[in-house]
N, C-alpha and C. Protein backbone atom coordinates (compact mmCIF):
# COMPACT_ATOMS: atom_id res chain seq x y z
N MET A 1 36.36 29.73 -25.21
CA MET A 1 35.69 28.90 -24.21
C MET A 1 34.17 29.03 -24.35
N MET A 2 33.72 30.25 -24.50
CA MET A 2 32.28 30.49 -24.62
C MET A 2 31.73 29.84 -25.88
N LEU A 3 32.52 29.89 -26.96
CA LEU A 3 32.10 29.27 -28.21
C LEU A 3 31.98 27.75 -28.05
N PHE A 4 32.93 27.17 -27.32
CA PHE A 4 32.90 25.73 -27.05
C PHE A 4 31.65 25.36 -26.27
N LEU A 5 31.33 26.13 -25.23
CA LEU A 5 30.14 25.86 -24.42
C LEU A 5 28.87 25.99 -25.25
N MET A 6 28.84 26.96 -26.14
CA MET A 6 27.68 27.12 -27.00
C MET A 6 27.53 25.93 -27.95
N ASP A 7 28.66 25.43 -28.46
CA ASP A 7 28.62 24.25 -29.33
C ASP A 7 28.12 23.03 -28.57
N VAL A 8 28.60 22.87 -27.35
CA VAL A 8 28.16 21.75 -26.52
C VAL A 8 26.66 21.86 -26.26
N TRP A 9 26.22 23.06 -25.89
CA TRP A 9 24.79 23.26 -25.61
C TRP A 9 23.95 22.97 -26.85
N ASP A 10 24.41 23.40 -28.02
CA ASP A 10 23.67 23.12 -29.26
C ASP A 10 23.61 21.63 -29.54
N SER A 11 24.70 20.92 -29.26
CA SER A 11 24.71 19.46 -29.46
C SER A 11 23.73 18.78 -28.51
N VAL A 12 23.75 19.19 -27.26
CA VAL A 12 22.84 18.60 -26.27
C VAL A 12 21.40 18.90 -26.64
N ARG A 13 21.14 20.14 -27.02
CA ARG A 13 19.79 20.52 -27.40
C ARG A 13 19.31 19.75 -28.62
N GLY A 14 20.19 19.56 -29.59
CA GLY A 14 19.84 18.77 -30.77
C GLY A 14 19.56 17.32 -30.43
N PHE A 15 20.38 16.76 -29.55
CA PHE A 15 20.17 15.39 -29.11
C PHE A 15 18.84 15.25 -28.38
N MET A 16 18.56 16.18 -27.50
CA MET A 16 17.31 16.14 -26.73
C MET A 16 16.10 16.31 -27.65
N ALA A 17 16.21 17.18 -28.64
CA ALA A 17 15.10 17.39 -29.57
C ALA A 17 14.86 16.14 -30.42
N ALA A 18 15.94 15.48 -30.85
CA ALA A 18 15.80 14.28 -31.68
C ALA A 18 15.22 13.12 -30.87
N GLY A 19 15.51 13.09 -29.57
CA GLY A 19 15.05 11.99 -28.73
C GLY A 19 13.69 12.19 -28.11
N GLY A 20 13.17 13.37 -28.20
CA GLY A 20 11.83 13.62 -27.66
C GLY A 20 11.84 14.02 -26.19
N ASP A 21 10.65 14.27 -25.69
CA ASP A 21 10.49 14.78 -24.32
C ASP A 21 10.92 13.78 -23.26
N VAL A 22 10.87 12.51 -23.57
CA VAL A 22 11.25 11.49 -22.58
C VAL A 22 12.73 11.62 -22.22
N LEU A 23 13.54 12.10 -23.13
CA LEU A 23 14.97 12.29 -22.81
C LEU A 23 15.15 13.29 -21.67
N TRP A 24 14.27 14.27 -21.58
CA TRP A 24 14.38 15.23 -20.47
C TRP A 24 14.10 14.53 -19.14
N LEU A 25 13.19 13.58 -19.17
CA LEU A 25 12.91 12.80 -17.96
C LEU A 25 14.11 11.94 -17.59
N VAL A 26 14.72 11.30 -18.59
CA VAL A 26 15.94 10.52 -18.33
C VAL A 26 17.03 11.43 -17.75
N ALA A 27 17.18 12.60 -18.33
CA ALA A 27 18.20 13.55 -17.85
C ALA A 27 17.92 13.98 -16.41
N GLY A 28 16.65 14.22 -16.09
CA GLY A 28 16.31 14.61 -14.72
C GLY A 28 16.60 13.51 -13.72
N VAL A 29 16.24 12.26 -14.07
CA VAL A 29 16.51 11.13 -13.18
C VAL A 29 18.01 10.93 -13.04
N LEU A 30 18.73 11.03 -14.15
CA LEU A 30 20.19 10.89 -14.12
C LEU A 30 20.83 11.97 -13.24
N PHE A 31 20.37 13.19 -13.37
CA PHE A 31 20.91 14.28 -12.56
C PHE A 31 20.66 14.02 -11.07
N LEU A 32 19.43 13.64 -10.72
CA LEU A 32 19.11 13.36 -9.32
C LEU A 32 19.95 12.20 -8.79
N MET A 33 20.09 11.14 -9.60
CA MET A 33 20.88 9.98 -9.20
C MET A 33 22.33 10.40 -8.91
N TRP A 34 22.91 11.21 -9.77
CA TRP A 34 24.30 11.61 -9.58
C TRP A 34 24.47 12.59 -8.43
N VAL A 35 23.50 13.44 -8.21
CA VAL A 35 23.57 14.33 -7.03
C VAL A 35 23.58 13.49 -5.76
N LEU A 36 22.71 12.49 -5.70
CA LEU A 36 22.66 11.62 -4.52
C LEU A 36 23.94 10.79 -4.37
N MET A 37 24.47 10.28 -5.48
CA MET A 37 25.71 9.50 -5.38
C MET A 37 26.89 10.37 -4.98
N LEU A 38 26.98 11.57 -5.50
CA LEU A 38 28.08 12.47 -5.11
C LEU A 38 27.97 12.86 -3.64
N GLU A 39 26.74 13.02 -3.17
CA GLU A 39 26.55 13.32 -1.75
C GLU A 39 27.03 12.15 -0.90
N ARG A 40 26.73 10.92 -1.31
CA ARG A 40 27.18 9.74 -0.57
C ARG A 40 28.70 9.61 -0.61
N TYR A 41 29.33 9.92 -1.76
CA TYR A 41 30.79 9.91 -1.83
C TYR A 41 31.38 10.95 -0.88
N TRP A 42 30.77 12.13 -0.87
CA TRP A 42 31.23 13.19 0.03
C TRP A 42 31.09 12.74 1.48
N TYR A 43 29.95 12.18 1.82
CA TYR A 43 29.72 11.71 3.19
C TYR A 43 30.73 10.63 3.54
N LEU A 44 30.95 9.68 2.66
CA LEU A 44 31.85 8.56 2.90
C LEU A 44 33.29 9.02 3.10
N ASN A 45 33.71 10.00 2.33
CA ASN A 45 35.11 10.42 2.37
C ASN A 45 35.43 11.52 3.36
N TRP A 46 34.45 12.34 3.74
CA TRP A 46 34.77 13.47 4.61
C TRP A 46 34.00 13.47 5.93
N VAL A 47 32.74 13.15 5.93
CA VAL A 47 31.94 13.21 7.16
C VAL A 47 32.10 11.93 7.97
N SER A 48 31.96 10.80 7.31
CA SER A 48 32.00 9.51 7.99
C SER A 48 33.31 9.25 8.75
N PRO A 49 34.48 9.54 8.20
CA PRO A 49 35.71 9.30 8.97
C PRO A 49 35.74 10.05 10.30
N ALA A 50 35.25 11.27 10.31
CA ALA A 50 35.23 12.04 11.56
C ALA A 50 34.26 11.41 12.56
N LYS A 51 33.11 10.98 12.08
CA LYS A 51 32.14 10.33 12.98
C LYS A 51 32.68 9.01 13.50
N HIS A 52 33.34 8.24 12.65
CA HIS A 52 33.92 6.97 13.09
C HIS A 52 35.03 7.20 14.12
N LYS A 53 35.81 8.24 13.91
CA LYS A 53 36.87 8.57 14.86
C LYS A 53 36.26 8.90 16.23
N ALA A 54 35.15 9.64 16.23
CA ALA A 54 34.48 9.98 17.49
C ALA A 54 33.94 8.73 18.18
N VAL A 55 33.41 7.79 17.42
CA VAL A 55 32.91 6.54 17.99
C VAL A 55 34.07 5.74 18.59
N ILE A 56 35.17 5.67 17.87
CA ILE A 56 36.34 4.94 18.37
C ILE A 56 36.86 5.57 19.66
N GLN A 57 36.92 6.89 19.69
CA GLN A 57 37.38 7.58 20.91
C GLN A 57 36.43 7.32 22.07
N ALA A 58 35.14 7.34 21.80
CA ALA A 58 34.17 7.07 22.87
C ALA A 58 34.32 5.64 23.38
N TRP A 59 34.59 4.71 22.48
CA TRP A 59 34.77 3.31 22.89
C TRP A 59 36.04 3.16 23.74
N GLU A 60 37.10 3.83 23.32
CA GLU A 60 38.36 3.74 24.06
C GLU A 60 38.27 4.37 25.44
N LYS A 61 37.40 5.34 25.62
CA LYS A 61 37.22 5.99 26.93
C LYS A 61 36.40 5.13 27.88
N ARG A 62 35.66 4.18 27.34
CA ARG A 62 34.83 3.31 28.19
C ARG A 62 35.73 2.45 29.07
N GLU A 63 35.34 2.34 30.32
CA GLU A 63 36.07 1.47 31.22
C GLU A 63 35.66 0.01 31.00
N ASP A 64 34.40 -0.18 30.68
CA ASP A 64 33.88 -1.53 30.48
C ASP A 64 33.74 -1.79 28.99
N SER A 65 34.53 -2.72 28.46
CA SER A 65 34.39 -3.08 27.05
C SER A 65 34.20 -4.58 26.88
N THR A 66 33.95 -5.28 27.97
CA THR A 66 33.85 -6.74 27.89
C THR A 66 32.47 -7.28 28.26
N SER A 67 31.67 -6.51 28.95
CA SER A 67 30.38 -7.02 29.41
C SER A 67 29.38 -7.15 28.25
N TRP A 68 28.30 -7.85 28.55
CA TRP A 68 27.24 -7.99 27.56
C TRP A 68 26.70 -6.62 27.16
N TYR A 69 26.53 -5.76 28.15
CA TYR A 69 26.02 -4.40 27.93
C TYR A 69 26.97 -3.62 27.01
N ALA A 70 28.26 -3.74 27.24
CA ALA A 70 29.25 -3.04 26.41
C ALA A 70 29.19 -3.53 24.96
N HIS A 71 29.00 -4.83 24.80
CA HIS A 71 28.91 -5.39 23.44
C HIS A 71 27.66 -4.88 22.72
N ARG A 72 26.56 -4.71 23.45
CA ARG A 72 25.34 -4.17 22.82
C ARG A 72 25.55 -2.71 22.43
N ILE A 73 26.26 -1.96 23.24
CA ILE A 73 26.56 -0.56 22.89
C ILE A 73 27.41 -0.52 21.62
N ARG A 74 28.43 -1.39 21.58
CA ARG A 74 29.30 -1.47 20.39
C ARG A 74 28.47 -1.79 19.15
N GLU A 75 27.60 -2.79 19.27
CA GLU A 75 26.75 -3.17 18.14
C GLU A 75 25.84 -2.02 17.71
N ALA A 76 25.31 -1.30 18.67
CA ALA A 76 24.42 -0.17 18.36
C ALA A 76 25.19 0.93 17.63
N TRP A 77 26.40 1.22 18.08
CA TRP A 77 27.20 2.26 17.43
C TRP A 77 27.57 1.86 16.00
N VAL A 78 27.93 0.60 15.81
CA VAL A 78 28.26 0.12 14.47
C VAL A 78 27.02 0.15 13.58
N SER A 79 25.89 -0.28 14.13
CA SER A 79 24.65 -0.27 13.38
C SER A 79 24.24 1.14 12.97
N GLN A 80 24.39 2.08 13.89
CA GLN A 80 24.06 3.47 13.59
C GLN A 80 24.98 4.02 12.50
N ALA A 81 26.26 3.71 12.58
CA ALA A 81 27.21 4.17 11.56
C ALA A 81 26.86 3.57 10.20
N LYS A 82 26.49 2.30 10.20
CA LYS A 82 26.11 1.63 8.96
C LYS A 82 24.85 2.25 8.37
N GLN A 83 23.89 2.52 9.23
CA GLN A 83 22.64 3.13 8.77
C GLN A 83 22.89 4.53 8.19
N GLU A 84 23.73 5.31 8.84
CA GLU A 84 24.04 6.64 8.33
C GLU A 84 24.78 6.58 7.00
N LEU A 85 25.68 5.60 6.86
CA LEU A 85 26.41 5.44 5.60
C LEU A 85 25.48 5.07 4.45
N HIS A 86 24.54 4.18 4.71
CA HIS A 86 23.67 3.67 3.65
C HIS A 86 22.43 4.52 3.41
N ALA A 87 22.30 5.63 4.11
CA ALA A 87 21.15 6.51 3.89
C ALA A 87 21.13 6.98 2.43
N GLY A 88 20.01 6.81 1.79
CA GLY A 88 19.87 7.26 0.41
C GLY A 88 20.27 6.24 -0.64
N MET A 89 20.90 5.14 -0.23
CA MET A 89 21.33 4.15 -1.22
C MET A 89 20.14 3.45 -1.88
N LEU A 90 19.06 3.25 -1.15
CA LEU A 90 17.88 2.62 -1.74
C LEU A 90 17.30 3.52 -2.84
N ILE A 91 17.29 4.80 -2.60
CA ILE A 91 16.79 5.74 -3.62
C ILE A 91 17.70 5.70 -4.85
N ILE A 92 19.01 5.68 -4.63
CA ILE A 92 19.96 5.62 -5.74
C ILE A 92 19.73 4.36 -6.56
N LYS A 93 19.62 3.22 -5.88
CA LYS A 93 19.42 1.96 -6.60
C LYS A 93 18.08 1.93 -7.32
N THR A 94 17.08 2.57 -6.76
CA THR A 94 15.78 2.64 -7.42
C THR A 94 15.88 3.50 -8.68
N LEU A 95 16.58 4.62 -8.58
CA LEU A 95 16.75 5.49 -9.76
C LEU A 95 17.53 4.77 -10.85
N VAL A 96 18.55 3.99 -10.45
CA VAL A 96 19.30 3.19 -11.43
C VAL A 96 18.37 2.23 -12.15
N ALA A 97 17.50 1.57 -11.41
CA ALA A 97 16.57 0.60 -12.00
C ALA A 97 15.50 1.27 -12.86
N VAL A 98 15.16 2.51 -12.55
CA VAL A 98 14.10 3.21 -13.28
C VAL A 98 14.60 3.73 -14.62
N CYS A 99 15.89 4.02 -14.74
CA CYS A 99 16.42 4.61 -15.98
C CYS A 99 16.08 3.79 -17.24
N PRO A 100 16.33 2.48 -17.26
CA PRO A 100 15.96 1.74 -18.47
C PRO A 100 14.46 1.73 -18.74
N MET A 101 13.67 1.76 -17.66
CA MET A 101 12.21 1.78 -17.84
C MET A 101 11.76 3.08 -18.50
N ILE A 102 12.37 4.17 -18.11
CA ILE A 102 12.05 5.45 -18.74
C ILE A 102 12.48 5.42 -20.20
N GLY A 103 13.64 4.81 -20.47
CA GLY A 103 14.09 4.66 -21.85
C GLY A 103 13.08 3.86 -22.67
N LEU A 104 12.53 2.82 -22.08
CA LEU A 104 11.51 2.04 -22.79
C LEU A 104 10.24 2.84 -23.02
N LEU A 105 9.93 3.72 -22.08
CA LEU A 105 8.80 4.63 -22.30
C LEU A 105 9.05 5.48 -23.53
N GLY A 106 10.29 5.93 -23.69
CA GLY A 106 10.66 6.68 -24.89
C GLY A 106 10.51 5.87 -26.16
N THR A 107 10.84 4.58 -26.06
CA THR A 107 10.66 3.69 -27.22
C THR A 107 9.19 3.62 -27.62
N VAL A 108 8.35 3.45 -26.64
CA VAL A 108 6.91 3.34 -26.92
C VAL A 108 6.38 4.64 -27.51
N THR A 109 6.73 5.78 -26.91
CA THR A 109 6.22 7.05 -27.44
C THR A 109 6.78 7.33 -28.83
N GLY A 110 8.04 6.96 -29.08
CA GLY A 110 8.61 7.14 -30.41
C GLY A 110 7.93 6.27 -31.45
N MET A 111 7.63 5.04 -31.08
CA MET A 111 6.95 4.15 -32.03
C MET A 111 5.51 4.62 -32.29
N ILE A 112 4.88 5.19 -31.29
CA ILE A 112 3.54 5.76 -31.50
C ILE A 112 3.63 6.89 -32.52
N THR A 113 4.69 7.69 -32.43
CA THR A 113 4.91 8.77 -33.39
C THR A 113 5.09 8.19 -34.80
N VAL A 114 5.88 7.12 -34.92
CA VAL A 114 6.08 6.47 -36.22
C VAL A 114 4.75 5.99 -36.78
N PHE A 115 3.96 5.34 -35.94
CA PHE A 115 2.68 4.82 -36.41
C PHE A 115 1.71 5.94 -36.79
N ASP A 116 1.77 7.05 -36.05
CA ASP A 116 0.94 8.21 -36.42
C ASP A 116 1.33 8.75 -37.79
N VAL A 117 2.64 8.86 -38.03
CA VAL A 117 3.11 9.34 -39.34
C VAL A 117 2.66 8.38 -40.44
N MET A 118 2.78 7.09 -40.17
CA MET A 118 2.36 6.09 -41.17
C MET A 118 0.85 6.16 -41.41
N ALA A 119 0.08 6.43 -40.38
CA ALA A 119 -1.37 6.49 -40.54
C ALA A 119 -1.78 7.72 -41.34
N VAL A 120 -1.10 8.83 -41.11
CA VAL A 120 -1.48 10.07 -41.78
C VAL A 120 -0.86 10.19 -43.17
N HIS A 121 0.44 9.87 -43.29
CA HIS A 121 1.17 10.12 -44.53
C HIS A 121 1.52 8.84 -45.29
N GLY A 122 1.23 7.68 -44.72
CA GLY A 122 1.62 6.43 -45.37
C GLY A 122 3.10 6.16 -45.13
N THR A 123 3.62 5.21 -45.85
CA THR A 123 5.04 4.85 -45.66
C THR A 123 5.95 5.63 -46.60
N GLY A 124 5.40 6.56 -47.35
CA GLY A 124 6.18 7.31 -48.33
C GLY A 124 7.02 8.43 -47.72
N ASN A 125 6.72 8.87 -46.50
CA ASN A 125 7.46 9.98 -45.91
C ASN A 125 8.52 9.43 -44.95
N ALA A 126 9.66 9.06 -45.51
CA ALA A 126 10.73 8.43 -44.73
C ALA A 126 11.33 9.40 -43.70
N ARG A 127 11.40 10.67 -44.05
CA ARG A 127 12.00 11.65 -43.14
C ARG A 127 11.19 11.77 -41.85
N MET A 128 9.89 11.83 -41.95
CA MET A 128 9.05 11.92 -40.75
C MET A 128 9.09 10.62 -39.96
N MET A 129 9.17 9.50 -40.65
CA MET A 129 9.28 8.21 -39.95
C MET A 129 10.62 8.11 -39.23
N ALA A 130 11.67 8.62 -39.83
CA ALA A 130 13.00 8.57 -39.22
C ALA A 130 13.03 9.37 -37.93
N ALA A 131 12.31 10.49 -37.90
CA ALA A 131 12.26 11.28 -36.67
C ALA A 131 11.61 10.48 -35.55
N GLY A 132 10.55 9.74 -35.87
CA GLY A 132 9.89 8.90 -34.86
C GLY A 132 10.77 7.75 -34.41
N ILE A 133 11.50 7.16 -35.35
CA ILE A 133 12.41 6.06 -35.00
C ILE A 133 13.54 6.59 -34.12
N SER A 134 14.00 7.78 -34.42
CA SER A 134 15.03 8.41 -33.57
C SER A 134 14.48 8.63 -32.17
N MET A 135 13.22 9.09 -32.11
CA MET A 135 12.59 9.29 -30.80
C MET A 135 12.39 7.97 -30.07
N ALA A 136 12.37 6.87 -30.81
CA ALA A 136 12.17 5.56 -30.20
C ALA A 136 13.48 4.96 -29.70
N THR A 137 14.58 5.23 -30.37
CA THR A 137 15.84 4.58 -30.00
C THR A 137 16.70 5.40 -29.05
N MET A 138 16.70 6.70 -29.19
CA MET A 138 17.59 7.53 -28.37
C MET A 138 17.27 7.48 -26.87
N PRO A 139 16.01 7.55 -26.47
CA PRO A 139 15.73 7.44 -25.02
C PRO A 139 16.14 6.08 -24.45
N THR A 140 15.96 5.02 -25.25
CA THR A 140 16.36 3.69 -24.78
C THR A 140 17.86 3.66 -24.52
N MET A 141 18.63 4.16 -25.48
CA MET A 141 20.07 4.21 -25.33
C MET A 141 20.46 5.08 -24.14
N ALA A 142 19.84 6.23 -24.01
CA ALA A 142 20.18 7.13 -22.91
C ALA A 142 19.83 6.50 -21.56
N GLY A 143 18.69 5.83 -21.49
CA GLY A 143 18.30 5.17 -20.25
C GLY A 143 19.26 4.06 -19.87
N MET A 144 19.73 3.31 -20.86
CA MET A 144 20.68 2.23 -20.59
C MET A 144 22.03 2.77 -20.16
N VAL A 145 22.51 3.82 -20.83
CA VAL A 145 23.79 4.42 -20.45
C VAL A 145 23.70 5.01 -19.04
N ALA A 146 22.60 5.67 -18.74
CA ALA A 146 22.41 6.23 -17.39
C ALA A 146 22.41 5.12 -16.35
N ALA A 147 21.71 4.03 -16.64
CA ALA A 147 21.65 2.91 -15.70
C ALA A 147 23.02 2.27 -15.52
N LEU A 148 23.76 2.10 -16.61
CA LEU A 148 25.09 1.49 -16.51
C LEU A 148 26.03 2.34 -15.65
N SER A 149 25.99 3.64 -15.85
CA SER A 149 26.86 4.50 -15.02
C SER A 149 26.44 4.41 -13.56
N GLY A 150 25.15 4.36 -13.32
CA GLY A 150 24.66 4.26 -11.96
C GLY A 150 25.00 2.93 -11.31
N VAL A 151 24.89 1.84 -12.07
CA VAL A 151 25.21 0.52 -11.54
C VAL A 151 26.69 0.47 -11.15
N PHE A 152 27.54 0.92 -12.04
CA PHE A 152 28.98 0.87 -11.78
C PHE A 152 29.34 1.66 -10.52
N PHE A 153 28.91 2.90 -10.45
CA PHE A 153 29.33 3.74 -9.34
C PHE A 153 28.61 3.41 -8.04
N SER A 154 27.36 2.99 -8.10
CA SER A 154 26.68 2.62 -6.85
C SER A 154 27.27 1.33 -6.28
N THR A 155 27.71 0.42 -7.15
CA THR A 155 28.36 -0.81 -6.68
C THR A 155 29.68 -0.48 -6.00
N ARG A 156 30.45 0.42 -6.60
CA ARG A 156 31.72 0.85 -5.98
C ARG A 156 31.45 1.54 -4.65
N LEU A 157 30.41 2.33 -4.62
CA LEU A 157 30.05 3.03 -3.39
C LEU A 157 29.67 2.04 -2.29
N ASP A 158 28.88 1.04 -2.64
CA ASP A 158 28.52 -0.01 -1.69
C ASP A 158 29.75 -0.72 -1.14
N ALA A 159 30.68 -1.05 -2.03
CA ALA A 159 31.89 -1.76 -1.60
C ALA A 159 32.71 -0.90 -0.65
N LYS A 160 32.84 0.37 -0.95
CA LYS A 160 33.60 1.28 -0.07
C LYS A 160 32.90 1.43 1.28
N MET A 161 31.58 1.42 1.28
CA MET A 161 30.84 1.52 2.54
C MET A 161 31.06 0.27 3.39
N LYS A 162 31.06 -0.89 2.77
CA LYS A 162 31.31 -2.13 3.51
C LYS A 162 32.71 -2.13 4.12
N ILE A 163 33.68 -1.66 3.37
CA ILE A 163 35.05 -1.58 3.88
C ILE A 163 35.12 -0.62 5.06
N SER A 164 34.44 0.51 4.94
CA SER A 164 34.43 1.51 6.01
C SER A 164 33.84 0.93 7.29
N ILE A 165 32.74 0.21 7.17
CA ILE A 165 32.10 -0.40 8.34
C ILE A 165 33.01 -1.47 8.95
N GLU A 166 33.65 -2.27 8.11
CA GLU A 166 34.56 -3.30 8.63
C GLU A 166 35.75 -2.67 9.36
N LYS A 167 36.25 -1.57 8.83
CA LYS A 167 37.35 -0.87 9.52
C LYS A 167 36.88 -0.35 10.87
N LEU A 168 35.66 0.17 10.92
CA LEU A 168 35.13 0.65 12.19
C LEU A 168 35.00 -0.51 13.18
N LYS A 169 34.46 -1.64 12.73
CA LYS A 169 34.34 -2.81 13.60
C LYS A 169 35.70 -3.25 14.12
N ASP A 170 36.70 -3.27 13.26
CA ASP A 170 38.04 -3.69 13.65
C ASP A 170 38.68 -2.71 14.64
N SER A 171 38.27 -1.45 14.57
CA SER A 171 38.82 -0.44 15.47
C SER A 171 38.16 -0.45 16.84
N LEU A 172 37.06 -1.17 16.97
CA LEU A 172 36.35 -1.29 18.25
C LEU A 172 36.54 -2.71 18.78
N PRO A 173 37.69 -2.97 19.37
CA PRO A 173 37.96 -4.34 19.80
C PRO A 173 36.98 -4.78 20.90
N HIS A 174 36.59 -6.02 20.81
CA HIS A 174 35.74 -6.60 21.86
C HIS A 174 36.44 -7.84 22.38
N HIS A 175 36.43 -7.97 23.66
CA HIS A 175 37.19 -9.05 24.30
C HIS A 175 36.27 -10.15 24.76
């Protein structure tokens, strides 16, 4: 097991070295994005149901559920639940959108490296040019893959949040 982990770490380190310093930035943004998304999944699946149950119980205990005032209370509770569910989603969506931009930053820095090699050594040193081209393409690919994973899972998270809010609304009947 330890040998496997060491091999994985060597592969990751080699990939990061070939892609340049910008890959570390992509990795940091990706890590933060996934921490926030996992927190939202945890909140949606474990915290939110208990809070919704408490809201439903409070609504059922109310004697007045038909007046204008009661409807405003219902709307406020639903709005608060929705706001709590969607906390952090703007940051997640921003991080998803930033990933390809960071990848493009890697493209630019890698191409600058290629041009520096060409300026100093000419076009005869293919090995040094290949390192710069690798630094130009790998961050772009990593940024796109990070963004795609974020788009997929944040969209699913949004859909589950909408379903959760609709279930809460349906559980708070208004007459």
